[in-house]
Each structure stands twice: as C-alpha cells, then as structure tokens.
Amino acid sequence: MKRRIQLLVDSSRDSDAATAQAINMADRFDSALIATEIRNSRRFESYRKTEEARQLFQNRLHRISDMAQDHGVEISDMRSKAVIDQPKDILKISQKIDPNVVISSAMDGRSGGPGLSDRAAGLFKYSKYNLLLVKDPQHDAHEYKNI
C-alpha cells in the first residue's frame, strides 16, 4: 500500500512552505500527495466570493501540481464541497483519506499574533495522525522565541 501525505492548502502566509515540505517528503518517501482545500465558507456572504475562493484554490492546486510534477510526485485533489476551517471537520476528511501524515501551515490566514493558529492547535489536540506544522523560516521568527 502506498503511503499518503495529506496537505492542507489554505491562504496562510506559511502555505507555500508547507507545500514545499510536503512535496519534498512525498518525493523522499515515494508517497502520494493529497491536497485538501481549507477555507471557511461561512466567511463568504455571496456566491461570487465563494466562487473566487474556489478559483484561487484551483490556481494554487495547479501550481502545487506543477511543483510536484517537477519532483515526480503523484498528487490528487480530495476535498469536500466546502471544507470548513475547523479541526474536527478537517479530521473527518482525514479519516476518509487515512494519511500517514497530515501537513499544515502553523498559522492560518487570519492569525497575526504569536504562537500557533487556533486551527493548528486544534489539529494538534485532536489528531490521531502524525502531524507536521510548518512555519516559513523567512517570516518573523520572533513569534516562536518563547515556545
């Protein structure tokens, strides 16, 4: 059975670093990479904004696919119709995928303060899967000085 790595794709500033880490791991361990869209659909008050967010994800997925293809990594797109930005909802999707590891950015698109995002902390608390939280080293590292 081939290993599976679930990559949580969101709009956070660390998402690109998480993607690069996931592709490197998938290449190294000959694993399938499964991209899961993470967005809070309750934030969008109109169909147009929801469609814009969906299109942004499609563009991001296309870029991830190109990066993965350069490394010879198989990628698949498994997402629900509207993935909610809540740890328990994300882990329900993980149950269907049954990944060997879940990779997520340490921060979400809304958090500006120090420490982990609420989503990352919730994933850490509730996940029965191996979890890798990625922070882009190019961003201000002072946030993690006291952890």
C-alpha atoms as a PDB file:
ATOM      1  CA  MET A   1       0.000   0.000   0.000  1.00  0.00           C
ATOM      2  CA  LYS A   2       1.389   3.385  -1.000  1.00  0.00           C
ATOM      3  CA  ARG A   3       1.933   5.980   1.709  1.00  0.00           C
ATOM      4  CA  ARG A   4      -0.300   9.052   1.671  1.00  0.00           C
ATOM      5  CA  ILE A   5       0.527  12.586   2.742  1.00  0.00           C
ATOM      6  CA  GLN A   6      -2.392  14.942   3.252  1.00  0.00           C
ATOM      7  CA  LEU A   7      -1.534  18.575   2.537  1.00  0.00           C
ATOM      8  CA  LEU A   8      -3.918  21.182   3.936  1.00  0.00           C
ATOM      9  CA  VAL A   9      -3.969  24.026   1.410  1.00  0.00           C
ATOM     10  CA  ASP A  10      -5.125  27.381   2.752  1.00  0.00           C
ATOM     11  CA  SER A  11      -4.494  31.079   2.249  1.00  0.00           C
ATOM     12  CA  SER A  12      -1.960  31.468   5.055  1.00  0.00           C
ATOM     13  CA  ARG A  13       1.429  33.057   4.604  1.00  0.00           C
ATOM     14  CA  ASP A  14       3.096  29.741   5.517  1.00  0.00           C
ATOM     15  CA  SER A  15       1.134  27.673   2.991  1.00  0.00           C
ATOM     16  CA  ASP A  16       3.892  27.734   0.362  1.00  0.00           C
ATOM     17  CA  ALA A  17       6.448  26.494   2.900  1.00  0.00           C
ATOM     18  CA  ALA A  18       4.075  23.675   3.924  1.00  0.00           C
ATOM     19  CA  THR A  19       3.612  22.772   0.254  1.00  0.00           C
ATOM     20  CA  ALA A  20       7.357  22.638  -0.386  1.00  0.00           C
ATOM     21  CA  GLN A  21       7.856  20.464   2.698  1.00  0.00           C
ATOM     22  CA  ALA A  22       5.042  18.105   1.651  1.00  0.00           C
ATOM     23  CA  ILE A  23       6.445  17.707  -1.863  1.00  0.00           C
ATOM     24  CA  ASN A  24       9.940  17.016  -0.517  1.00  0.00           C
ATOM     25  CA  MET A  25       8.589  14.391   1.888  1.00  0.00           C
ATOM     26  CA  ALA A  26       6.419  12.770  -0.791  1.00  0.00           C
ATOM     27  CA  ASP A  27       9.422  12.587  -3.109  1.00  0.00           C
ATOM     28  CA  ARG A  28      11.713  11.190  -0.447  1.00  0.00           C
ATOM     29  CA  PHE A  29       9.280   8.535   0.823  1.00  0.00           C
ATOM     30  CA  ASP A  30       7.620   7.731  -2.534  1.00  0.00           C
ATOM     31  CA  SER A  31       4.221   8.837  -1.229  1.00  0.00           C
ATOM     32  CA  ALA A  32       1.050  10.104  -2.854  1.00  0.00           C
ATOM     33  CA  LEU A  33       0.277  13.729  -2.035  1.00  0.00           C
ATOM     34  CA  ILE A  34      -3.368  14.537  -1.380  1.00  0.00           C
ATOM     35  CA  ALA A  35      -4.302  18.221  -1.412  1.00  0.00           C
ATOM     36  CA  THR A  36      -7.244  19.231   0.759  1.00  0.00           C
ATOM     37  CA  GLU A  37      -8.789  22.673   0.401  1.00  0.00           C
ATOM     38  CA  ILE A  38      -9.209  24.562   3.652  1.00  0.00           C
ATOM     39  CA  ARG A  39     -11.413  27.641   3.661  1.00  0.00           C
ATOM     40  CA  ASN A  40     -14.073  28.981   5.924  1.00  0.00           C
ATOM     41  CA  SER A  41     -17.092  29.091   3.639  1.00  0.00           C
ATOM     42  CA  ARG A  42     -19.122  30.860   6.339  1.00  0.00           C
ATOM     43  CA  ARG A  43     -16.956  33.957   5.818  1.00  0.00           C
ATOM     44  CA  PHE A  44     -18.236  34.496   2.293  1.00  0.00           C
ATOM     45  CA  GLU A  45     -21.531  36.348   2.115  1.00  0.00           C
ATOM     46  CA  SER A  46     -22.035  35.881  -1.605  1.00  0.00           C
ATOM     47  CA  TYR A  47     -21.829  33.157  -4.195  1.00  0.00           C
ATOM     48  CA  ARG A  48     -19.396  35.301  -6.193  1.00  0.00           C
ATOM     49  CA  LYS A  49     -16.877  35.459  -3.339  1.00  0.00           C
ATOM     50  CA  THR A  50     -17.220  31.729  -2.746  1.00  0.00           C
ATOM     51  CA  GLU A  51     -16.509  31.111  -6.431  1.00  0.00           C
ATOM     52  CA  GLU A  52     -13.493  33.439  -6.292  1.00  0.00           C
ATOM     53  CA  ALA A  53     -12.122  31.430  -3.355  1.00  0.00           C
ATOM     54  CA  ARG A  54     -12.736  28.190  -5.254  1.00  0.00           C
ATOM     55  CA  GLN A  55     -10.897  29.591  -8.273  1.00  0.00           C
ATOM     56  CA  LEU A  56      -7.966  30.681  -6.077  1.00  0.00           C
ATOM     57  CA  PHE A  57      -7.734  27.127  -4.766  1.00  0.00           C
ATOM     58  CA  GLN A  58      -7.780  25.743  -8.311  1.00  0.00           C
ATOM     59  CA  ASN A  59      -4.923  28.092  -9.239  1.00  0.00           C
ATOM     60  CA  ARG A  60      -2.996  27.086  -6.117  1.00  0.00           C
ATOM     61  CA  LEU A  61      -3.621  23.401  -6.852  1.00  0.00           C
ATOM     62  CA  HIS A  62      -2.343  23.863 -10.404  1.00  0.00           C
ATOM     63  CA  ARG A  63       0.845  25.476  -9.059  1.00  0.00           C
ATOM     64  CA  ILE A  64       1.257  22.662  -6.500  1.00  0.00           C
ATOM     65  CA  SER A  65       0.742  20.080  -9.253  1.00  0.00           C
ATOM     66  CA  ASP A  66       3.473  21.689 -11.347  1.00  0.00           C
ATOM     67  CA  MET A  67       5.871  21.691  -8.391  1.00  0.00           C
ATOM     68  CA  ALA A  68       5.024  18.063  -7.588  1.00  0.00           C
ATOM     69  CA  GLN A  69       5.442  17.008 -11.203  1.00  0.00           C
ATOM     70  CA  ASP A  70       8.945  18.501 -11.224  1.00  0.00           C
ATOM     71  CA  HIS A  71       9.795  16.113  -8.369  1.00  0.00           C
ATOM     72  CA  GLY A  72       7.942  13.133  -9.855  1.00  0.00           C
ATOM     73  CA  VAL A  73       5.325  13.167  -7.088  1.00  0.00           C
ATOM     74  CA  GLU A  74       1.793  11.922  -7.684  1.00  0.00           C
ATOM     75  CA  ILE A  75      -0.829  14.410  -6.486  1.00  0.00           C
ATOM     76  CA  SER A  76      -4.559  14.035  -6.155  1.00  0.00           C
ATOM     77  CA  ASP A  77      -7.235  16.527  -5.225  1.00  0.00           C
ATOM     78  CA  MET A  78      -9.516  15.224  -2.486  1.00  0.00           C
ATOM     79  CA  ARG A  79     -11.712  17.851  -0.973  1.00  0.00           C
ATOM     80  CA  SER A  80     -15.277  18.190   0.101  1.00  0.00           C
ATOM     81  CA  LYS A  81     -17.635  20.712  -1.463  1.00  0.00           C
ATOM     82  CA  ALA A  82     -16.864  23.348   1.161  1.00  0.00           C
ATOM     83  CA  VAL A  83     -14.254  22.475   3.728  1.00  0.00           C
ATOM     84  CA  ILE A  84     -14.787  24.325   6.975  1.00  0.00           C
ATOM     85  CA  ASP A  85     -11.787  25.733   8.823  1.00  0.00           C
ATOM     86  CA  GLN A  86     -12.448  23.692  11.971  1.00  0.00           C
ATOM     87  CA  PRO A  87     -10.075  20.965  13.204  1.00  0.00           C
ATOM     88  CA  LYS A  88     -12.752  18.321  13.778  1.00  0.00           C
ATOM     89  CA  ASP A  89     -14.225  18.866  10.297  1.00  0.00           C
ATOM     90  CA  ILE A  90     -10.763  18.640   8.747  1.00  0.00           C
ATOM     91  CA  LEU A  91     -10.072  15.416  10.635  1.00  0.00           C
ATOM     92  CA  LYS A  92     -13.330  13.893   9.335  1.00  0.00           C
ATOM     93  CA  ILE A  93     -11.894  14.304   5.845  1.00  0.00           C
ATOM     94  CA  SER A  94      -8.608  12.839   7.088  1.00  0.00           C
ATOM     95  CA  GLN A  95     -10.498   9.736   8.223  1.00  0.00           C
ATOM     96  CA  LYS A  96     -11.590   9.109   4.623  1.00  0.00           C
ATOM     97  CA  ILE A  97      -8.053   9.647   3.316  1.00  0.00           C
ATOM     98  CA  ASP A  98      -6.281   7.774   6.149  1.00  0.00           C
ATOM     99  CA  PRO A  99      -2.953   9.603   5.641  1.00  0.00           C
ATOM    100  CA  ASN A 100       0.366   8.600   7.116  1.00  0.00           C
ATOM    101  CA  VAL A 101       0.986  12.270   7.907  1.00  0.00           C
ATOM    102  CA  VAL A 102      -1.029  15.497   7.760  1.00  0.00           C
ATOM    103  CA  ILE A 103       0.938  18.619   6.806  1.00  0.00           C
ATOM    104  CA  SER A 104      -0.398  22.076   7.586  1.00  0.00           C
ATOM    105  CA  SER A 105       0.890  25.590   7.989  1.00  0.00           C
ATOM    106  CA  ALA A 106       1.394  26.623  11.599  1.00  0.00           C
ATOM    107  CA  MET A 107      -0.501  29.857  11.025  1.00  0.00           C
ATOM    108  CA  ASP A 108      -3.793  30.435   9.258  1.00  0.00           C
ATOM    109  CA  GLY A 109      -4.716  33.395   7.092  1.00  0.00           C
ATOM    110  CA  ARG A 110      -6.330  35.323   9.948  1.00  0.00           C
ATOM    111  CA  SER A 111      -3.895  34.977  12.846  1.00  0.00           C
ATOM    112  CA  GLY A 112      -1.454  37.761  13.340  1.00  0.00           C
ATOM    113  CA  GLY A 113      -0.307  37.121  16.865  1.00  0.00           C
ATOM    114  CA  PRO A 114       2.375  34.883  18.309  1.00  0.00           C
ATOM    115  CA  GLY A 115       2.086  31.122  18.594  1.00  0.00           C
ATOM    116  CA  LEU A 116       0.042  28.615  16.646  1.00  0.00           C
ATOM    117  CA  SER A 117      -3.237  29.358  14.946  1.00  0.00           C
ATOM    118  CA  ASP A 118      -6.389  28.025  16.579  1.00  0.00           C
ATOM    119  CA  ARG A 119      -6.753  25.525  13.730  1.00  0.00           C
ATOM    120  CA  ALA A 120      -3.184  24.214  14.138  1.00  0.00           C
ATOM    121  CA  ALA A 121      -3.599  23.924  17.910  1.00  0.00           C
ATOM    122  CA  GLY A 122      -6.897  22.069  17.425  1.00  0.00           C
ATOM    123  CA  LEU A 123      -5.348  19.692  14.904  1.00  0.00           C
ATOM    124  CA  PHE A 124      -2.526  19.034  17.347  1.00  0.00           C
ATOM    125  CA  LYS A 125      -5.032  18.362  20.122  1.00  0.00           C
ATOM    126  CA  TYR A 126      -7.479  16.097  18.265  1.00  0.00           C
ATOM    127  CA  SER A 127      -5.477  14.380  15.522  1.00  0.00           C
ATOM    128  CA  LYS A 128      -4.693  10.692  15.756  1.00  0.00           C
ATOM    129  CA  TYR A 129      -2.481  11.063  12.680  1.00  0.00           C
ATOM    130  CA  ASN A 130       1.124  12.189  12.530  1.00  0.00           C
ATOM    131  CA  LEU A 131       1.042  15.945  12.136  1.00  0.00           C
ATOM    132  CA  LEU A 132       3.649  18.299  10.712  1.00  0.00           C
ATOM    133  CA  LEU A 133       3.075  22.006  11.301  1.00  0.00           C
ATOM    134  CA  VAL A 134       5.249  24.145   9.046  1.00  0.00           C
ATOM    135  CA  LYS A 135       6.368  27.725   9.558  1.00  0.00           C
ATOM    136  CA  ASP A 136       8.129  29.604   6.800  1.00  0.00           C
ATOM    137  CA  PRO A 137      11.603  30.475   8.123  1.00  0.00           C
ATOM    138  CA  GLN A 138      11.548  33.662   6.027  1.00  0.00           C
ATOM    139  CA  HIS A 139       8.831  35.123   8.235  1.00  0.00           C
ATOM    140  CA  ASP A 140       9.466  36.805  11.548  1.00  0.00           C
ATOM    141  CA  ALA A 141      10.824  34.109  13.873  1.00  0.00           C
ATOM    142  CA  HIS A 142      10.368  36.263  16.972  1.00  0.00           C
ATOM    143  CA  GLU A 143       6.839  34.885  17.301  1.00  0.00           C
ATOM    144  CA  TYR A 144       8.271  31.498  18.323  1.00  0.00           C
ATOM    145  CA  LYS A 145      11.039  32.755  20.577  1.00  0.00           C
ATOM    146  CA  ASN A 146       9.265  31.764  23.804  1.00  0.00           C
ATOM    147  CA  ILE A 147       7.834  28.412  22.715  1.00  0.00           C
END
